[in-house]
N, C-alpha and C. Protein backbone atom coordinates (compact mmCIF):
# COMPACT_ATOMS: atom_id res chain seq x y z
N MET A 1 0.78 -1.21 0.05
CA MET A 1 -0.17 0.06 0.02
C MET A 1 0.88 1.35 0.12
N LYS A 2 2.18 1.07 0.50
CA LYS A 2 2.99 2.51 0.93
C LYS A 2 3.48 2.79 -0.34
N LEU A 3 3.55 1.69 -1.26
CA LEU A 3 4.35 1.98 -2.49
C LEU A 3 3.28 2.73 -3.42
N LYS A 4 2.17 2.28 -3.24
CA LYS A 4 1.04 3.25 -4.15
C LYS A 4 1.09 4.57 -3.67
N GLU A 5 1.03 4.95 -2.48
CA GLU A 5 1.01 6.23 -1.81
C GLU A 5 2.16 7.08 -2.32
N GLN A 6 3.52 6.39 -2.45
CA GLN A 6 4.46 7.15 -2.89
C GLN A 6 4.36 7.34 -4.45
N ALA A 7 3.96 6.33 -5.32
CA ALA A 7 3.78 6.80 -6.51
C ALA A 7 2.69 7.76 -6.90
N LEU A 8 1.70 8.10 -6.09
CA LEU A 8 0.77 9.22 -6.20
C LEU A 8 1.11 10.47 -5.64
N GLU A 9 2.45 10.47 -5.23
CA GLU A 9 2.55 11.82 -4.64
C GLU A 9 2.77 13.03 -5.64
N LEU A 10 2.28 13.97 -5.24
CA LEU A 10 2.21 14.99 -6.29
C LEU A 10 3.22 16.14 -6.19
N LYS A 11 3.78 16.63 -7.28
CA LYS A 11 4.91 17.51 -7.15
C LYS A 11 4.39 18.82 -7.64
N LEU A 12 4.15 19.60 -6.62
CA LEU A 12 3.56 21.16 -6.94
C LEU A 12 4.84 22.26 -7.26
N ASP A 13 4.43 23.10 -8.06
CA ASP A 13 5.52 24.27 -8.45
C ASP A 13 5.08 25.00 -7.30
N ASN A 14 6.22 25.59 -6.70
CA ASN A 14 6.27 26.48 -5.61
C ASN A 14 5.18 27.75 -5.87
N SER A 15 5.17 28.01 -7.37
CA SER A 15 4.25 29.31 -7.75
C SER A 15 2.73 28.99 -7.55
N LEU A 16 2.37 27.74 -7.26
CA LEU A 16 1.13 27.26 -7.15
C LEU A 16 0.66 27.22 -5.57
N ARG A 17 1.78 27.27 -4.78
CA ARG A 17 1.45 27.00 -3.47
C ARG A 17 0.60 28.54 -2.84
N THR A 18 -0.26 28.31 -1.80
CA THR A 18 -0.77 29.43 -1.26
C THR A 18 -0.62 29.09 0.34
N LYS A 19 -0.82 30.07 1.10
CA LYS A 19 -0.58 30.12 2.46
C LYS A 19 -1.79 29.53 3.10
N CYS A 20 -1.57 28.77 4.17
CA CYS A 20 -2.64 27.97 4.94
C CYS A 20 -2.43 28.39 6.40
N LEU A 21 -3.84 28.81 6.73
CA LEU A 21 -3.72 29.33 8.08
C LEU A 21 -4.05 28.14 9.10
N VAL A 22 -3.26 27.83 10.14
CA VAL A 22 -3.70 26.79 11.10
C VAL A 22 -4.27 27.31 12.45
N TYR A 23 -5.48 26.97 12.80
CA TYR A 23 -6.14 27.24 14.05
C TYR A 23 -6.11 26.28 15.10
N THR A 24 -5.99 26.71 16.28
CA THR A 24 -5.94 25.51 17.33
C THR A 24 -6.71 26.35 18.29
N ARG A 25 -7.41 25.34 19.13
CA ARG A 25 -8.47 25.95 20.21
C ARG A 25 -7.40 26.09 21.63
N VAL A 26 -7.61 27.40 22.14
CA VAL A 26 -7.14 27.65 23.17
C VAL A 26 -7.94 28.23 24.08
N MET A 27 -8.11 27.78 25.31
CA MET A 27 -8.99 28.26 26.56
C MET A 27 -10.38 28.56 25.84
N GLY A 28 -10.90 27.46 25.05
CA GLY A 28 -12.10 27.82 24.82
C GLY A 28 -12.54 28.48 23.72
N TYR A 29 -11.59 28.98 22.84
CA TYR A 29 -11.78 29.51 21.60
C TYR A 29 -10.76 29.21 20.67
N HIS A 30 -10.97 29.63 19.26
CA HIS A 30 -9.97 29.16 18.32
C HIS A 30 -9.02 30.52 17.89
N ARG A 31 -7.77 30.26 17.74
CA ARG A 31 -6.81 31.35 17.64
C ARG A 31 -5.69 30.63 16.39
N PRO A 32 -5.37 31.70 15.48
CA PRO A 32 -4.44 31.30 14.61
C PRO A 32 -3.01 31.06 15.15
N VAL A 33 -2.38 29.82 14.77
CA VAL A 33 -1.09 29.51 15.35
C VAL A 33 -0.09 30.74 15.03
N GLU A 34 -0.23 31.18 13.94
CA GLU A 34 0.86 32.33 13.57
C GLU A 34 0.81 33.37 14.24
N SER A 35 -0.24 33.73 15.13
CA SER A 35 -0.18 34.79 16.12
C SER A 35 0.34 34.54 17.49
N PHE A 36 0.57 33.19 17.70
CA PHE A 36 1.26 32.76 18.94
C PHE A 36 2.82 33.51 19.34
N ASN A 37 3.06 33.66 20.35
CA ASN A 37 4.60 34.06 20.68
C ASN A 37 5.63 32.91 20.51
N ILE A 38 6.81 32.96 20.35
CA ILE A 38 7.69 32.01 20.04
C ILE A 38 7.58 30.77 20.84
N GLY A 39 7.44 31.12 22.24
CA GLY A 39 7.22 29.70 23.37
C GLY A 39 5.95 29.03 22.98
N LYS A 40 4.88 29.78 22.65
CA LYS A 40 3.70 28.99 22.52
C LYS A 40 3.76 28.49 21.01
N LYS A 41 4.29 28.65 20.03
CA LYS A 41 4.70 28.16 18.97
C LYS A 41 5.60 26.89 18.92
N GLY A 42 6.43 26.98 19.98
CA GLY A 42 7.29 25.75 20.34
C GLY A 42 6.49 24.59 20.97
N GLU A 43 5.60 24.91 21.73
CA GLU A 43 4.72 24.04 22.43
C GLU A 43 3.75 23.43 21.56
N HIS A 44 3.42 24.29 20.49
CA HIS A 44 2.42 23.79 19.60
C HIS A 44 2.91 22.45 18.85
N LYS A 45 4.27 23.02 18.48
CA LYS A 45 4.85 21.92 17.36
C LYS A 45 5.18 20.37 18.42
N GLN A 46 5.36 20.59 19.60
CA GLN A 46 5.75 19.49 20.76
C GLN A 46 4.38 18.67 20.83
N ARG A 47 3.17 19.11 20.41
CA ARG A 47 1.86 18.30 20.79
C ARG A 47 1.83 16.95 20.14
N LYS A 48 1.30 16.21 20.71
CA LYS A 48 1.14 14.74 20.11
C LYS A 48 -0.43 14.85 19.56
N HIS A 49 -1.05 14.31 18.46
CA HIS A 49 -1.91 14.34 18.03
C HIS A 49 -2.72 13.01 18.38
N PHE A 50 -3.94 13.06 18.69
CA PHE A 50 -4.54 11.90 18.94
C PHE A 50 -5.36 11.42 17.74
N LYS A 51 -5.16 10.10 17.52
CA LYS A 51 -5.68 9.51 16.15
C LYS A 51 -6.29 8.30 16.68
N GLU A 52 -7.74 8.16 16.68
CA GLU A 52 -8.60 7.07 16.98
C GLU A 52 -8.54 5.91 15.97
N ASN A 53 -8.50 4.69 16.52
CA ASN A 53 -8.50 3.38 15.67
C ASN A 53 -9.83 2.95 15.61
N CYS A 54 -10.27 2.79 14.62
CA CYS A 54 -11.88 2.38 14.26
C CYS A 54 -11.70 0.99 14.53
N GLY A 55 -12.93 0.37 15.26
CA GLY A 55 -12.89 -0.89 15.69
C GLY A 55 -13.92 -1.56 14.69
N CYS A 56 -14.13 -0.97 13.48
CA CYS A 56 -14.89 -1.68 12.46
C CYS A 56 -14.59 -2.79 11.90
């Protein structure tokens, strides 16, 4: 399966890329990560993301 995923990888020209805003929930409301100070950005990068396994 991983070989197929690698074969389907798209190559994009940098001129086609656009800025993507990432929001996170902080103290009950959503804020863009780019507005964080240096320390908070570091904490955000170290977070572990939860991925639930489906028992289907």
